C-alpha atoms as a PDB file:
ATOM      1  CA  MET A   1      64.332 -90.174  63.571  1.00  0.00           C
ATOM      2  CA  LYS A   2      62.266 -87.102  64.573  1.00  0.00           C
ATOM      3  CA  GLY A   3      59.686 -88.251  62.643  1.00  0.00           C
ATOM      4  CA  ASN A   4      59.414 -91.194  63.331  1.00  0.00           C
ATOM      5  CA  LYS A   5      59.593 -90.524  67.281  1.00  0.00           C
ATOM      6  CA  VAL A   6      56.771 -88.103  66.592  1.00  0.00           C
ATOM      7  CA  THR A   7      54.333 -90.227  64.898  1.00  0.00           C
ATOM      8  CA  ALA A   8      54.955 -92.681  67.421  1.00  0.00           C
ATOM      9  CA  GLN A   9      54.305 -91.238  70.272  1.00  0.00           C
ATOM     10  CA  SER A  10      51.381 -89.622  68.142  1.00  0.00           C
ATOM     11  CA  LYS A  11      49.976 -92.966  67.938  1.00  0.00           C
ATOM     12  CA  LYS A  12      49.702 -93.785  71.836  1.00  0.00           C
ATOM     13  CA  GLN A  13      46.537 -94.116  73.126  1.00  0.00           C
ATOM     14  CA  HIS A  14      47.440 -92.303  76.700  1.00  0.00           C
ATOM     15  CA  CYS A  15      49.269 -89.725  77.664  1.00  0.00           C
ATOM     16  CA  TYR A  16      50.404 -91.600  80.618  1.00  0.00           C
ATOM     17  CA  ASP A  17      51.893 -95.213  81.217  1.00  0.00           C
ATOM     18  CA  TYR A  18      50.352 -95.829  84.596  1.00  0.00           C
ATOM     19  CA  PRO A  19      47.183 -97.903  84.488  1.00  0.00           C
ATOM     20  CA  ARG A  20      43.643 -96.438  85.311  1.00  0.00           C
ATOM     21  CA  PRO A  21      41.097 -98.294  87.494  1.00  0.00           C
ATOM     22  CA  ALA A  22      37.613 -98.438  85.413  1.00  0.00           C
ATOM     23  CA  VAL A  23      34.613 -95.475  86.373  1.00  0.00           C
ATOM     24  CA  THR A  24      31.284 -96.897  88.122  1.00  0.00           C
ATOM     25  CA  VAL A  25      28.620 -95.650  89.155  1.00  0.00           C
ATOM     26  CA  ASP A  26      25.870 -97.293  91.480  1.00  0.00           C
ATOM     27  CA  ILE A  27      22.286 -95.819  91.965  1.00  0.00           C
ATOM     28  CA  LEU A  28      20.560 -96.350  95.608  1.00  0.00           C
ATOM     29  CA  LEU A  29      16.916 -95.576  95.700  1.00  0.00           C
ATOM     30  CA  PHE A  30      14.809 -95.621  99.419  1.00  0.00           C
ATOM     31  CA  ARG A  31      11.621 -95.469  99.181  1.00  0.00           C
ATOM     32  CA  ARG A  32       8.994 -96.327 102.618  1.00  0.00           C
ATOM     33  CA  GLY A  33       7.344 -99.309 101.556  1.00  0.00           C
ATOM     34  CA  ARG A  34       4.193-101.039 103.301  1.00  0.00           C
ATOM     35  CA  ALA A  35       3.573 -99.572 106.840  1.00  0.00           C
ATOM     36  CA  GLY A  36       6.787 -97.336 106.502  1.00  0.00           C
ATOM     37  CA  ARG A  37       9.491 -99.731 106.579  1.00  0.00           C
ATOM     38  CA  LEU A  38      12.393 -98.925 104.580  1.00  0.00           C
ATOM     39  CA  GLU A  39      13.043 -99.857 101.510  1.00  0.00           C
ATOM     40  CA  VAL A  40      15.729-100.313  98.671  1.00  0.00           C
ATOM     41  CA  LEU A  41      15.576-100.797  94.803  1.00  0.00           C
ATOM     42  CA  LEU A  42      17.710-103.923  93.970  1.00  0.00           C
ATOM     43  CA  ILE A  43      18.564-105.590  90.643  1.00  0.00           C
ATOM     44  CA  GLU A  44      19.131-108.997  90.579  1.00  0.00           C
ATOM     45  CA  ARG A  45      22.533-109.103  87.785  1.00  0.00           C
ATOM     46  CA  GLY A  46      22.189-111.533  84.919  1.00  0.00           C
ATOM     47  CA  ARG A  47      25.624-111.135  83.616  1.00  0.00           C
ATOM     48  CA  GLU A  48      28.919-112.536  85.454  1.00  0.00           C
ATOM     49  CA  PRO A  49      30.519-111.544  87.727  1.00  0.00           C
ATOM     50  CA  PHE A  50      27.917-112.294  90.564  1.00  0.00           C
ATOM     51  CA  ARG A  51      25.275-113.250  87.894  1.00  0.00           C
ATOM     52  CA  ASN A  52      21.927-114.068  90.039  1.00  0.00           C
ATOM     53  CA  HIS A  53      23.254-111.712  92.529  1.00  0.00           C
ATOM     54  CA  TRP A  54      21.054-108.853  94.313  1.00  0.00           C
ATOM     55  CA  ALA A  55      23.099-105.505  93.081  1.00  0.00           C
ATOM     56  CA  PHE A  56      21.594-101.723  93.033  1.00  0.00           C
ATOM     57  CA  PRO A  57      21.634-100.546  89.231  1.00  0.00           C
ATOM     58  CA  GLY A  58      25.049 -98.976  87.840  1.00  0.00           C
ATOM     59  CA  GLY A  59      27.295 -99.595  85.411  1.00  0.00           C
ATOM     60  CA  PHE A  60      30.690 -97.968  83.661  1.00  0.00           C
ATOM     61  CA  VAL A  61      30.589 -94.100  82.451  1.00  0.00           C
ATOM     62  CA  ASP A  62      30.765 -94.042  78.940  1.00  0.00           C
ATOM     63  CA  ARG A  63      33.744 -92.285  77.299  1.00  0.00           C
ATOM     64  CA  ASP A  64      33.145 -88.470  77.262  1.00  0.00           C
ATOM     65  CA  GLU A  65      29.706 -89.098  79.901  1.00  0.00           C
ATOM     66  CA  SER A  66      29.012 -87.240  83.330  1.00  0.00           C
ATOM     67  CA  LEU A  67      28.602 -89.009  86.272  1.00  0.00           C
ATOM     68  CA  GLU A  68      25.311 -87.338  86.837  1.00  0.00           C
ATOM     69  CA  ASP A  69      24.040 -88.917  83.039  1.00  0.00           C
ATOM     70  CA  ALA A  70      25.502 -92.338  83.659  1.00  0.00           C
ATOM     71  CA  ALA A  71      23.732 -92.908  86.660  1.00  0.00           C
ATOM     72  CA  ALA A  72      20.131 -91.846  85.320  1.00  0.00           C
ATOM     73  CA  ARG A  73      21.653 -93.561  82.072  1.00  0.00           C
ATOM     74  CA  GLU A  74      21.780 -97.155  83.781  1.00  0.00           C
ATOM     75  CA  LEU A  75      18.901 -96.873  86.095  1.00  0.00           C
ATOM     76  CA  LYS A  76      16.547 -96.029  83.157  1.00  0.00           C
ATOM     77  CA  GLU A  77      18.442 -99.422  81.139  1.00  0.00           C
ATOM     78  CA  GLU A  78      17.625-101.572  83.998  1.00  0.00           C
ATOM     79  CA  THR A  79      14.691-100.537  86.016  1.00  0.00           C
ATOM     80  CA  GLU A  80      12.901 -98.066  83.234  1.00  0.00           C
ATOM     81  CA  ILE A  81      12.754 -95.371  85.971  1.00  0.00           C
ATOM     82  CA  GLU A  82      14.220 -92.063  84.698  1.00  0.00           C
ATOM     83  CA  GLY A  83      13.331 -88.432  86.368  1.00  0.00           C
ATOM     84  CA  ILE A  84      14.916 -89.144  89.410  1.00  0.00           C
ATOM     85  CA  ARG A  85      17.504 -86.157  90.828  1.00  0.00           C
ATOM     86  CA  PHE A  86      20.236 -87.914  92.613  1.00  0.00           C
ATOM     87  CA  HIS A  87      22.717 -86.502  95.555  1.00  0.00           C
ATOM     88  CA  GLN A  88      25.969 -87.956  94.993  1.00  0.00           C
ATOM     89  CA  LEU A  89      27.174 -89.769  98.333  1.00  0.00           C
ATOM     90  CA  GLY A  90      30.922 -91.012  97.700  1.00  0.00           C
ATOM     91  CA  ALA A  91      33.074 -92.692  95.686  1.00  0.00           C
ATOM     92  CA  PHE A  92      34.109 -96.250  96.669  1.00  0.00           C
ATOM     93  CA  GLY A  93      37.476 -97.763  95.203  1.00  0.00           C
ATOM     94  CA  ASP A  94      39.043-100.467  97.780  1.00  0.00           C
ATOM     95  CA  PRO A  95      40.710-102.786  95.547  1.00  0.00           C
ATOM     96  CA  GLY A  96      39.139-105.767  94.919  1.00  0.00           C
ATOM     97  CA  ARG A  97      36.154-104.777  94.927  1.00  0.00           C
ATOM     98  CA  ASP A  98      35.361-106.024  91.543  1.00  0.00           C
ATOM     99  CA  PRO A  99      36.513-109.270  90.385  1.00  0.00           C
ATOM    100  CA  ARG A 100      36.839-107.965  86.772  1.00  0.00           C
ATOM    101  CA  GLY A 101      39.557-105.001  87.979  1.00  0.00           C
ATOM    102  CA  HIS A 102      40.584-102.513  89.309  1.00  0.00           C
ATOM    103  CA  THR A 103      37.184-100.213  89.792  1.00  0.00           C
ATOM    104  CA  VAL A 104      36.207 -96.552  91.300  1.00  0.00           C
ATOM    105  CA  SER A 105      32.187 -96.462  91.427  1.00  0.00           C
ATOM    106  CA  ILE A 106      30.302 -93.019  92.700  1.00  0.00           C
ATOM    107  CA  ALA A 107      27.288 -93.574  94.237  1.00  0.00           C
ATOM    108  CA  TYR A 108      24.112 -92.040  94.503  1.00  0.00           C
ATOM    109  CA  THR A 109      21.243 -91.737  96.465  1.00  0.00           C
ATOM    110  CA  ALA A 110      17.604 -90.748  96.381  1.00  0.00           C
ATOM    111  CA  LEU A 111      14.821 -91.019  98.778  1.00  0.00           C
ATOM    112  CA  LEU A 112      11.482 -91.236  96.356  1.00  0.00           C
ATOM    113  CA  ASN A 113       8.493 -89.932  96.787  1.00  0.00           C
ATOM    114  CA  GLY A 114       5.513 -91.811  94.658  1.00  0.00           C
ATOM    115  CA  ASP A 115       4.834 -95.310  93.560  1.00  0.00           C
ATOM    116  CA  TYR A 116       7.819 -96.300  90.892  1.00  0.00           C
ATOM    117  CA  GLU A 117       7.667 -99.751  90.104  1.00  0.00           C
ATOM    118  CA  PRO A 118      10.855-100.853  88.041  1.00  0.00           C
ATOM    119  CA  VAL A 119      10.860-103.000  84.657  1.00  0.00           C
ATOM    120  CA  ALA A 120      14.008-105.189  84.692  1.00  0.00           C
ATOM    121  CA  ALA A 121      15.872-104.524  81.535  1.00  0.00           C
ATOM    122  CA  ASP A 122      19.612-104.779  80.086  1.00  0.00           C
ATOM    123  CA  ASP A 123      21.275-106.680  82.482  1.00  0.00           C
ATOM    124  CA  ALA A 124      19.186-106.937  84.973  1.00  0.00           C
ATOM    125  CA  CYS A 125      17.262-110.392  85.666  1.00  0.00           C
ATOM    126  CA  SER A 126      14.472-108.944  87.768  1.00  0.00           C
ATOM    127  CA  ALA A 127      14.400-105.351  89.353  1.00  0.00           C
ATOM    128  CA  ALA A 128      12.637-105.322  92.958  1.00  0.00           C
ATOM    129  CA  TRP A 129      12.042-103.267  96.319  1.00  0.00           C
ATOM    130  CA  HIS A 130      13.560-104.875  99.241  1.00  0.00           C
ATOM    131  CA  ALA A 131      12.814-104.228 102.475  1.00  0.00           C
ATOM    132  CA  ILE A 132      16.232-103.191 104.412  1.00  0.00           C
ATOM    133  CA  SER A 133      15.405-105.278 107.167  1.00  0.00           C
ATOM    134  CA  ASN A 134      15.107-108.304 105.196  1.00  0.00           C
ATOM    135  CA  LEU A 135      17.990-108.087 102.135  1.00  0.00           C
ATOM    136  CA  PRO A 136      18.442-110.612  99.855  1.00  0.00           C
ATOM    137  CA  GLY A 137      22.768-111.572  99.682  1.00  0.00           C
ATOM    138  CA  LEU A 138      24.611-108.589  97.623  1.00  0.00           C
ATOM    139  CA  ALA A 139      27.002-108.225  94.972  1.00  0.00           C
ATOM    140  CA  PHE A 140      30.423-106.595  95.231  1.00  0.00           C
ATOM    141  CA  ASP A 141      30.655-103.515  98.203  1.00  0.00           C
ATOM    142  CA  HIS A 142      27.098-103.272  98.047  1.00  0.00           C
ATOM    143  CA  GLU A 143      26.477-103.771 101.976  1.00  0.00           C
ATOM    144  CA  LYS A 144      29.169-101.273 102.553  1.00  0.00           C
ATOM    145  CA  ILE A 145      27.696 -99.022 100.608  1.00  0.00           C
ATOM    146  CA  LEU A 146      24.063 -99.379 102.088  1.00  0.00           C
ATOM    147  CA  ARG A 147      25.291 -99.307 105.677  1.00  0.00           C
ATOM    148  CA  ILE A 148      27.325 -95.984 104.546  1.00  0.00           C
ATOM    149  CA  ALA A 149      24.219 -94.280 102.781  1.00  0.00           C
ATOM    150  CA  VAL A 150      21.549 -95.725 105.160  1.00  0.00           C
ATOM    151  CA  GLU A 151      23.602 -94.143 108.223  1.00  0.00           C
ATOM    152  CA  ARG A 152      23.968 -90.756 106.386  1.00  0.00           C
ATOM    153  CA  THR A 153      20.370 -90.661 105.320  1.00  0.00           C
ATOM    154  CA  PHE A 154      18.425 -91.752 107.938  1.00  0.00           C
ATOM    155  CA  GLY A 155      20.438 -92.428 110.695  1.00  0.00           C
ATOM    156  CA  LYS A 156      22.442 -94.679 112.910  1.00  0.00           C
ATOM    157  CA  ASN A 157      19.588 -96.308 114.247  1.00  0.00           C
ATOM    158  CA  ALA A 158      18.314 -97.210 110.522  1.00  0.00           C
ATOM    159  CA  ALA A 159      21.553 -98.303 109.625  1.00  0.00           C
ATOM    160  CA  ARG A 160      21.213-100.755 112.793  1.00  0.00           C
ATOM    161  CA  ARG A 161      18.290-102.336 111.273  1.00  0.00           C
ATOM    162  CA  ILE A 162      19.796-103.248 107.939  1.00  0.00           C
ATOM    163  CA  LYS A 163      19.632-107.064 108.166  1.00  0.00           C
ATOM    164  CA  ILE A 164      21.936-108.892 105.180  1.00  0.00           C
ATOM    165  CA  LYS A 165      21.325-112.955 104.433  1.00  0.00           C
ATOM    166  CA  SER A 166      24.843-114.069 103.538  1.00  0.00           C
ATOM    167  CA  GLN A 167      25.450-115.263  99.751  1.00  0.00           C
END
């Protein structure tokens, strides 16, 4: 009887009975565009949820992958931009932020010097720089994340200039 109990326990996939949220990364790349205006890189999502809506490059963290490696991989997969040094902004995990289920996202930021032109790839239909003063509607809770990132990186005055069209 003990042998059966040990065998049943060893087949258990996880060591806890509690449900776990999924972990994702989001990458907020900023640059100074024409006339010094602040721009953020967005991708147009090619898949549900939020298909054809704009979002930050990002995605799910793979098993045994560091958060930083996941951010670099997702950025490369969706925009073909690589070699960026990120700074961790914070974690965002409000229930309901992702209709697929409870998802916690770790957001990373970088201010780029130079001309990085994104090329949409993987599950991104398109990728483009957008002035924060004229943004399309954003997927998930990306408006909230953007406001926090801009305020912390560039100050409250910059955050006040964010204009997002309703979806």
